[in-house]
Amino acid sequence: MPSHPLISQVQSKSDIVLFHKVPRLIYANDKNYIPHIEEDIEKLFDHKRNKLFKQGGIACRWIAKDSTGKLLGRVAAFVHPQTAKSFDQPTGGVGFFECVDDTSLAHQLFDTAKEWLKREGMEAMDGPVNFGDKNQFWGLLVQNFESMNSYAMNYNPPYYRELMEGYGFQTYFEQYVYYRKVRQPIEPVFIRKYEQLKKNYNITCSDVRGKSIKEIAYDFRKVYNGAWGGHNNFKEMSEEAALKVAKALKPIMDPNILVFAFHGTEPIGFYINIPELNEIFQHVDGKLNWIGKLKFLYHKYMKTPKTMVGIVFGVVKEWHGKGVEGAMITWFGLEKVPIMKYEDTILTWIGDFNPKMIKVASNLGTDLHRTYITYRYLFDRNKPFERCPIIE
């Protein structure tokens, strides 16, 4: 046990510097660790740039030191305005947890977050989660610590699982990340189904070359709302929000690997890929200052990434079960793969609550690449624990 650990709230600019310094100490000897871009994290805690604050969300973070001032750990807690009241009990979140291998200190950090959340009216906490979108900083890595991590996905030492479960966190859902060689042969059955869809339903696929940001945003929104409408905690995407997503993609976008499926002229599916940015950011060391930006632009221009990451995959509900997912993969394999530089593809995480998408990933010839866990901790230890419900 570190001597007399002190846990203090992050308040000043110097505290923020220390908050980002903690993981550099934890992973000092870990060759697979690639620092998160500090600016990506700071945006989440910025009241001007994170819209959740304007909607009533709140966040707090802490750092832990020993009596000599040596950094030992950190943690953050948040109340998401849209999801805090969506469960059987008001539920907050914890994230950006880092800690030396010390059970007592880890529990003190979790206690600090729990007591803050209690004061804000919460009765449970999920973690590790993000104060923002689920496609970033979500879940605890529990399988595959040997390969380079994907951009904005959590990475942690194996012992974090014992620290969290020892505190009392229980598995709310597991998250699976899948891998596939880009030039892996397409199963003949998918090619046949694709030809049938083209002939019988006038289904076509295309990338987004030549399309404006507004056109991409329109197609994305139509599919997004049609695919997830009615799901738990779903909030329909507005035109403004869709345009914001498209604009955010623009600096990192490769228009060759953003794929949409259409019924006539109506968008019914998307397979959104981006280059694996960590193959660039491994040269940046977590800082997008002017030197970091120059390095980023250089490696982007040189087309350094050889891996692409499927960040979202969706099909409008009316077209579920008709093979649209396979059609997009087939079109991509036939039309794009022969002329592209990418060698590997990673599909962003699919929750175990979504067996249909897990089946789709399996049918595409993927291998399980990584496993994450999103935990939940009920403050009332006598209350029955329930896992995330399955999407039917």
Protein backbone atom coordinates (compact mmCIF):
# COMPACT_ATOMS: atom_id res chain seq x y z
CA MET A 1 0.00 0.00 0.00
CA PRO A 2 1.47 3.41 -0.99
CA SER A 3 2.20 5.57 2.04
CA HIS A 4 -0.71 7.87 2.91
CA PRO A 5 -2.29 8.28 -0.55
CA LEU A 6 -3.91 11.63 -1.18
CA ILE A 7 -6.82 11.81 -3.64
CA SER A 8 -7.51 15.33 -4.85
CA GLN A 9 -9.91 16.83 -7.36
CA VAL A 10 -8.58 18.08 -10.69
CA GLN A 11 -9.12 21.84 -10.68
CA SER A 12 -6.10 23.72 -12.06
CA LYS A 13 -4.14 23.56 -15.30
CA SER A 14 -1.28 21.91 -13.44
CA ASP A 15 -3.73 19.26 -12.17
CA ILE A 16 -4.77 18.56 -15.76
CA VAL A 17 -1.13 18.05 -16.72
CA LEU A 18 -0.77 15.51 -13.90
CA PHE A 19 -4.03 13.77 -14.92
CA HIS A 20 -2.50 13.05 -18.33
CA LYS A 21 0.85 12.12 -16.82
CA VAL A 22 -0.59 9.21 -14.78
CA PRO A 23 -0.94 6.73 -17.68
CA ARG A 24 2.56 7.52 -18.90
CA LEU A 25 3.85 6.23 -15.57
CA ILE A 26 1.56 3.17 -15.56
CA TYR A 27 2.59 2.13 -19.09
CA ALA A 28 6.21 3.30 -19.02
CA ASN A 29 7.46 -0.20 -19.88
CA ASP A 30 4.56 -1.35 -22.06
CA LYS A 31 5.60 -1.45 -25.73
CA ASN A 32 1.99 -1.90 -26.90
CA TYR A 33 0.72 1.26 -25.22
CA ILE A 34 -0.11 4.18 -27.50
CA PRO A 35 -1.14 7.33 -25.57
CA HIS A 36 -4.62 8.69 -26.18
CA ILE A 37 -4.62 12.12 -27.77
CA GLU A 38 -4.85 14.42 -24.76
CA GLU A 39 -6.97 16.91 -26.70
CA ASP A 40 -9.60 14.20 -27.34
CA ILE A 41 -9.96 13.69 -23.59
CA GLU A 42 -9.89 17.38 -22.70
CA LYS A 43 -12.78 18.09 -25.08
CA LEU A 44 -14.95 15.81 -22.97
CA PHE A 45 -14.36 17.89 -19.85
CA ASP A 46 -14.73 21.26 -21.60
CA HIS A 47 -18.06 22.93 -20.87
CA LYS A 48 -17.89 24.83 -24.15
CA ARG A 49 -17.15 21.84 -26.38
CA ASN A 50 -19.09 18.97 -24.79
CA LYS A 51 -22.81 19.52 -25.42
CA LEU A 52 -23.70 17.22 -22.52
CA PHE A 53 -22.88 19.99 -20.06
CA LYS A 54 -25.44 22.26 -21.73
CA GLN A 55 -28.02 19.48 -21.36
CA GLY A 56 -27.44 19.17 -17.63
CA GLY A 57 -24.58 16.70 -17.54
CA ILE A 58 -21.82 17.00 -14.95
CA ALA A 59 -18.34 15.53 -14.56
CA CYS A 60 -15.53 15.45 -12.03
CA ARG A 61 -12.07 13.89 -11.95
CA TRP A 62 -9.40 13.12 -9.40
CA ILE A 63 -5.72 12.18 -9.16
CA ALA A 64 -3.99 10.14 -6.46
CA LYS A 65 -0.48 10.75 -5.08
CA ASP A 66 1.56 9.34 -2.24
CA SER A 67 3.00 11.48 0.57
CA THR A 68 6.06 12.30 -1.53
CA GLY A 69 3.97 13.61 -4.42
CA LYS A 70 4.47 10.56 -6.65
CA LEU A 71 1.50 9.96 -8.95
CA LEU A 72 -0.38 6.71 -8.32
CA GLY A 73 -3.69 6.83 -10.12
CA ARG A 74 -6.66 8.76 -11.47
CA VAL A 75 -10.39 8.40 -12.09
CA ALA A 76 -13.31 10.44 -13.46
CA ALA A 77 -17.05 10.31 -12.82
CA PHE A 78 -19.94 11.65 -14.87
CA VAL A 79 -23.69 11.99 -14.92
CA HIS A 80 -24.91 11.70 -18.50
CA PRO A 81 -28.18 13.67 -18.80
CA GLN A 82 -29.73 11.35 -21.38
CA THR A 83 -28.94 7.99 -19.82
CA ALA A 84 -28.69 8.61 -16.08
CA LYS A 85 -32.45 8.17 -15.63
CA SER A 86 -32.97 5.50 -18.31
CA PHE A 87 -32.44 2.46 -16.11
CA ASP A 88 -34.23 0.93 -13.11
CA GLN A 89 -32.04 3.13 -10.95
CA PRO A 90 -30.33 6.47 -11.74
CA THR A 91 -26.95 5.39 -13.11
CA GLY A 92 -23.79 7.44 -13.52
CA GLY A 93 -20.45 6.50 -15.00
CA VAL A 94 -16.78 6.20 -14.16
CA GLY A 95 -13.94 6.30 -16.65
CA PHE A 96 -10.33 7.18 -17.42
CA PHE A 97 -9.36 4.96 -14.49
CA GLU A 98 -5.66 4.30 -14.13
CA CYS A 99 -3.94 2.88 -11.06
CA VAL A 100 -0.82 1.15 -9.85
CA ASP A 101 -1.36 -2.48 -8.91
CA ASP A 102 -2.75 -1.78 -5.47
CA THR A 103 -6.21 -2.99 -4.44
CA SER A 104 -6.67 -0.59 -1.53
CA LEU A 105 -5.83 2.48 -3.59
CA ALA A 106 -8.06 1.36 -6.49
CA HIS A 107 -10.97 0.92 -4.07
CA GLN A 108 -10.36 4.38 -2.62
CA LEU A 109 -10.54 5.84 -6.13
CA PHE A 110 -13.80 3.99 -6.83
CA ASP A 111 -15.17 5.08 -3.44
CA THR A 112 -14.36 8.70 -4.29
CA ALA A 113 -16.28 8.46 -7.55
CA LYS A 114 -19.17 6.59 -5.89
CA GLU A 115 -19.64 9.14 -3.11
CA TRP A 116 -19.65 11.99 -5.64
CA LEU A 117 -22.23 10.18 -7.76
CA LYS A 118 -24.35 9.49 -4.68
CA ARG A 119 -24.42 13.19 -3.87
CA GLU A 120 -25.66 13.79 -7.41
CA GLY A 121 -28.56 11.40 -6.91
CA MET A 122 -27.14 8.31 -8.61
CA GLU A 123 -27.75 4.80 -7.34
CA ALA A 124 -25.32 2.89 -9.57
CA MET A 125 -22.29 3.45 -11.77
CA ASP A 126 -21.13 1.90 -15.03
CA GLY A 127 -17.51 1.71 -15.99
CA PRO A 128 -15.17 2.22 -17.54
CA VAL A 129 -17.25 4.45 -19.81
CA ASN A 130 -16.95 7.73 -21.67
CA PHE A 131 -18.63 11.08 -21.05
CA GLY A 132 -19.75 11.04 -24.66
CA ASP A 133 -20.13 8.56 -27.52
CA LYS A 134 -19.94 4.82 -26.91
CA ASN A 135 -17.51 4.22 -29.77
CA GLN A 136 -14.71 5.81 -27.72
CA PHE A 137 -13.13 5.06 -24.32
CA TRP A 138 -15.70 2.37 -23.49
CA GLY A 139 -15.14 -0.89 -21.65
CA LEU A 140 -12.26 -2.67 -19.91
CA LEU A 141 -9.89 -4.68 -22.07
CA VAL A 142 -9.85 -8.31 -20.85
CA GLN A 143 -8.54 -10.23 -23.87
CA ASN A 144 -5.63 -9.50 -26.27
CA PHE A 145 -3.02 -7.34 -24.59
CA GLU A 146 -0.44 -8.20 -27.25
CA SER A 147 -1.45 -6.08 -30.26
CA MET A 148 -1.61 -2.35 -30.87
CA ASN A 149 -4.87 -0.85 -29.73
CA SER A 150 -7.30 1.00 -31.98
CA TYR A 151 -7.70 4.76 -31.85
CA ALA A 152 -9.75 6.02 -28.86
CA MET A 153 -10.35 2.49 -27.59
CA ASN A 154 -9.37 1.70 -24.02
CA TYR A 155 -6.17 -0.13 -23.24
CA ASN A 156 -5.21 -1.28 -19.76
CA PRO A 157 -3.07 -3.78 -17.84
CA PRO A 158 -4.63 -7.22 -17.18
CA TYR A 159 -4.73 -6.58 -13.42
CA TYR A 160 -7.41 -3.87 -13.80
CA ARG A 161 -10.01 -6.61 -14.15
CA GLU A 162 -9.18 -7.94 -10.69
CA LEU A 163 -9.25 -4.41 -9.24
CA MET A 164 -12.73 -3.71 -10.63
CA GLU A 165 -14.29 -7.08 -9.92
CA GLY A 166 -12.69 -7.16 -6.47
CA TYR A 167 -14.44 -3.88 -5.70
CA GLY A 168 -17.80 -5.38 -6.66
CA PHE A 169 -18.31 -4.36 -10.27
CA GLN A 170 -20.33 -6.95 -12.20
CA THR A 171 -20.44 -7.58 -15.92
CA TYR A 172 -23.24 -5.55 -17.49
CA PHE A 173 -22.29 -6.60 -21.00
CA GLU A 174 -19.30 -7.90 -22.95
CA GLN A 175 -17.99 -6.17 -26.08
CA TYR A 176 -16.43 -8.03 -28.97
CA VAL A 177 -14.02 -6.59 -31.54
CA TYR A 178 -13.60 -8.61 -34.72
CA TYR A 179 -10.74 -8.88 -37.23
CA ARG A 180 -10.62 -9.82 -40.90
CA LYS A 181 -7.94 -9.78 -43.58
CA VAL A 182 -9.03 -7.29 -46.24
CA ARG A 183 -8.15 -9.64 -49.10
CA GLN A 184 -9.76 -12.68 -47.54
CA PRO A 185 -11.85 -14.38 -50.25
CA ILE A 186 -15.56 -13.59 -50.22
CA GLU A 187 -17.81 -16.58 -49.62
CA PRO A 188 -19.65 -17.52 -52.85
CA VAL A 189 -22.98 -17.44 -51.00
CA PHE A 190 -22.53 -13.71 -50.35
CA ILE A 191 -21.80 -13.04 -54.00
CA ARG A 192 -24.97 -14.94 -55.01
CA LYS A 193 -27.08 -13.04 -52.47
CA TYR A 194 -25.64 -9.74 -53.65
CA GLU A 195 -26.54 -10.52 -57.26
CA GLN A 196 -30.07 -11.49 -56.17
CA LEU A 197 -30.51 -8.25 -54.22
CA LYS A 198 -29.38 -6.20 -57.22
CA LYS A 199 -31.77 -8.05 -59.52
CA ASN A 200 -34.84 -8.43 -57.29
CA TYR A 201 -34.74 -5.26 -55.16
CA ASN A 202 -32.65 -2.80 -57.16
CA ILE A 203 -30.03 -2.73 -54.39
CA THR A 204 -26.81 -0.90 -55.18
CA CYS A 205 -23.73 0.00 -53.15
CA SER A 206 -21.23 2.82 -53.48
CA ASP A 207 -18.50 4.72 -51.68
CA VAL A 208 -18.77 8.47 -51.04
CA ARG A 209 -16.30 9.81 -53.59
CA GLY A 210 -17.71 12.96 -55.16
CA LYS A 211 -20.36 13.43 -52.46
CA SER A 212 -20.61 16.58 -50.36
CA ILE A 213 -20.52 16.54 -46.58
CA LYS A 214 -24.24 17.43 -46.58
CA GLU A 215 -25.07 14.48 -48.81
CA ILE A 216 -23.05 12.11 -46.62
CA ALA A 217 -24.76 13.50 -43.51
CA TYR A 218 -28.22 12.99 -45.07
CA ASP A 219 -27.56 9.36 -45.99
CA PHE A 220 -25.95 8.64 -42.62
CA ARG A 221 -28.89 10.10 -40.69
CA LYS A 222 -31.48 8.15 -42.71
CA VAL A 223 -29.77 4.85 -42.01
CA TYR A 224 -28.92 5.64 -38.39
CA ASN A 225 -32.49 6.55 -37.44
CA GLY A 226 -33.91 3.65 -39.43
CA ALA A 227 -31.53 1.11 -37.95
CA TRP A 228 -31.71 1.98 -34.25
CA GLY A 229 -35.14 3.53 -33.82
CA GLY A 230 -36.90 1.92 -30.86
CA HIS A 231 -33.75 0.53 -29.23
CA ASN A 232 -33.07 1.16 -25.55
CA ASN A 233 -31.95 4.76 -24.86
CA PHE A 234 -32.20 5.63 -28.57
CA LYS A 235 -32.46 9.29 -29.41
CA GLU A 236 -33.21 10.18 -33.02
CA MET A 237 -30.35 11.93 -34.76
CA SER A 238 -31.12 15.45 -35.96
CA GLU A 239 -29.93 16.98 -39.22
CA GLU A 240 -27.60 19.20 -37.22
CA ALA A 241 -26.10 16.26 -35.33
CA ALA A 242 -25.62 14.25 -38.53
CA LEU A 243 -23.85 17.17 -40.18
CA LYS A 244 -21.61 17.48 -37.14
CA VAL A 245 -20.69 13.78 -37.38
CA ALA A 246 -19.88 14.12 -41.08
CA LYS A 247 -17.76 17.22 -40.49
CA ALA A 248 -15.89 15.46 -37.69
CA LEU A 249 -15.09 12.59 -40.07
CA LYS A 250 -13.84 14.86 -42.83
CA PRO A 251 -10.22 15.41 -41.59
CA ILE A 252 -9.65 11.66 -41.21
CA MET A 253 -11.94 10.39 -43.95
CA ASP A 254 -10.90 8.14 -46.79
CA PRO A 255 -13.92 8.37 -49.13
CA ASN A 256 -13.02 5.01 -50.67
CA ILE A 257 -13.89 3.10 -47.50
CA LEU A 258 -17.20 4.71 -46.50
CA VAL A 259 -19.80 2.36 -48.01
CA PHE A 260 -23.57 2.88 -48.35
CA ALA A 261 -26.28 0.55 -49.65
CA PHE A 262 -29.31 1.97 -51.50
CA HIS A 263 -32.76 0.72 -52.46
CA GLY A 264 -33.20 2.76 -55.58
CA THR A 265 -32.05 6.15 -54.36
CA GLU A 266 -32.99 5.57 -50.68
CA PRO A 267 -30.10 4.77 -48.29
CA ILE A 268 -30.77 1.56 -46.34
CA GLY A 269 -27.37 0.59 -44.94
CA PHE A 270 -23.89 1.81 -44.15
CA TYR A 271 -20.48 0.36 -43.43
CA ILE A 272 -18.38 3.28 -42.16
CA ASN A 273 -14.62 2.73 -42.07
CA ILE A 274 -11.75 5.04 -41.22
CA PRO A 275 -7.98 4.48 -41.38
CA GLU A 276 -6.51 3.10 -38.14
CA LEU A 277 -5.38 6.42 -36.70
CA ASN A 278 -3.19 4.82 -34.06
CA GLU A 279 -0.87 3.76 -36.88
CA ILE A 280 -0.32 7.51 -37.25
CA PHE A 281 -0.69 8.57 -33.63
CA GLN A 282 2.01 6.16 -32.48
CA HIS A 283 4.36 8.77 -33.98
CA VAL A 284 2.66 11.70 -32.19
CA ASP A 285 3.02 10.64 -28.52
CA GLY A 286 -0.43 11.81 -27.47
CA LYS A 287 0.05 15.50 -28.26
CA LEU A 288 -1.49 17.31 -31.22
CA ASN A 289 0.63 20.43 -30.85
CA TRP A 290 2.07 21.94 -34.02
CA ILE A 291 4.74 19.25 -34.22
CA GLY A 292 2.14 16.54 -33.69
CA LYS A 293 -0.12 18.02 -36.36
CA LEU A 294 2.74 18.13 -38.85
CA LYS A 295 3.50 14.47 -38.13
CA PHE A 296 -0.17 13.60 -38.52
CA LEU A 297 -0.43 15.37 -41.88
CA TYR A 298 2.79 13.76 -43.09
CA HIS A 299 1.67 10.21 -42.25
CA LYS A 300 -1.81 10.85 -43.61
CA TYR A 301 -0.31 12.09 -46.90
CA MET A 302 2.06 9.10 -47.00
CA LYS A 303 -0.93 6.79 -46.40
CA THR A 304 0.83 5.15 -43.46
CA PRO A 305 -2.15 3.17 -42.06
CA LYS A 306 -2.47 -0.33 -43.46
CA THR A 307 -5.45 -1.17 -41.25
CA MET A 308 -8.95 0.22 -41.54
CA VAL A 309 -11.45 0.27 -38.70
CA GLY A 310 -15.17 -0.27 -39.20
CA ILE A 311 -16.53 2.25 -36.70
CA VAL A 312 -20.23 1.63 -37.37
CA PHE A 313 -22.28 -0.88 -39.34
CA GLY A 314 -26.04 -0.51 -39.70
CA VAL A 315 -29.04 -1.54 -41.79
CA VAL A 316 -32.54 -0.04 -41.70
CA LYS A 317 -34.82 -2.38 -39.73
CA GLU A 318 -37.13 -3.13 -42.65
CA TRP A 319 -34.16 -4.64 -44.48
CA HIS A 320 -32.88 -6.82 -41.64
CA GLY A 321 -32.34 -10.45 -42.58
CA LYS A 322 -32.21 -9.80 -46.34
CA GLY A 323 -28.44 -9.86 -46.70
CA VAL A 324 -27.75 -6.14 -47.05
CA GLU A 325 -24.77 -6.41 -44.68
CA GLY A 326 -23.22 -9.10 -46.84
CA ALA A 327 -24.02 -7.07 -49.97
CA MET A 328 -21.95 -4.14 -48.73
CA ILE A 329 -19.02 -6.38 -47.80
CA THR A 330 -19.29 -8.20 -51.15
CA TRP A 331 -19.39 -4.97 -53.15
CA PHE A 332 -16.43 -3.67 -51.17
CA GLY A 333 -14.48 -6.86 -51.78
CA LEU A 334 -15.20 -6.92 -55.49
CA GLU A 335 -14.91 -3.23 -56.33
CA LYS A 336 -12.53 -1.66 -53.80
CA VAL A 337 -10.20 -4.26 -52.31
CA PRO A 338 -8.30 -5.03 -55.55
CA ILE A 339 -7.18 -1.40 -55.85
CA MET A 340 -6.61 -0.42 -52.21
CA LYS A 341 -3.60 -0.30 -49.89
CA TYR A 342 -5.28 -1.61 -46.71
CA GLU A 343 -4.33 -5.09 -45.52
CA ASP A 344 -6.42 -5.60 -42.37
CA THR A 345 -9.82 -4.54 -41.12
CA ILE A 346 -11.12 -4.33 -37.58
CA LEU A 347 -14.82 -4.07 -36.75
CA THR A 348 -15.56 -1.83 -33.78
CA TRP A 349 -17.09 -3.48 -30.76
CA ILE A 350 -20.41 -5.30 -30.82
CA GLY A 351 -22.15 -5.87 -27.49
CA ASP A 352 -23.21 -9.35 -26.42
CA PHE A 353 -26.71 -7.87 -26.19
CA ASN A 354 -26.78 -7.72 -30.00
CA PRO A 355 -26.68 -11.36 -31.19
CA LYS A 356 -27.88 -10.46 -34.70
CA MET A 357 -24.84 -8.28 -35.38
CA ILE A 358 -22.55 -10.88 -33.80
CA LYS A 359 -23.96 -13.41 -36.27
CA VAL A 360 -23.36 -10.98 -39.15
CA ALA A 361 -19.73 -10.51 -38.06
CA SER A 362 -19.26 -14.27 -37.78
CA ASN A 363 -20.78 -14.88 -41.21
CA LEU A 364 -18.33 -12.42 -42.74
CA GLY A 365 -15.45 -14.72 -41.82
CA THR A 366 -14.07 -12.62 -38.97
CA ASP A 367 -12.07 -13.76 -35.96
CA LEU A 368 -12.58 -12.49 -32.41
CA HIS A 369 -9.79 -9.95 -31.93
CA ARG A 370 -10.43 -8.32 -28.55
CA THR A 371 -12.90 -8.55 -25.70
CA TYR A 372 -13.96 -5.70 -23.42
CA ILE A 373 -16.34 -5.62 -20.48
CA THR A 374 -18.63 -2.80 -19.39
CA TYR A 375 -19.29 -3.22 -15.68
CA ARG A 376 -22.06 -1.98 -13.41
CA TYR A 377 -21.91 -1.42 -9.67
CA LEU A 378 -25.18 -1.07 -7.71
CA PHE A 379 -24.81 1.11 -4.64
CA ASP A 380 -27.52 -0.92 -2.88
CA ARG A 381 -25.64 -4.21 -2.57
CA ASN A 382 -28.87 -6.08 -1.76
CA LYS A 383 -30.59 -5.07 -4.99
CA PRO A 384 -30.76 -7.86 -7.61
CA PHE A 385 -28.30 -7.36 -10.45
CA GLU A 386 -29.50 -7.67 -14.04
CA ARG A 387 -27.41 -7.74 -17.19
CA CYS A 388 -28.09 -5.58 -20.22
CA PRO A 389 -31.21 -6.84 -22.02
CA ILE A 390 -30.81 -8.59 -25.36
CA ILE A 391 -31.88 -6.72 -28.49
CA GLU A 392 -34.52 -8.83 -30.21
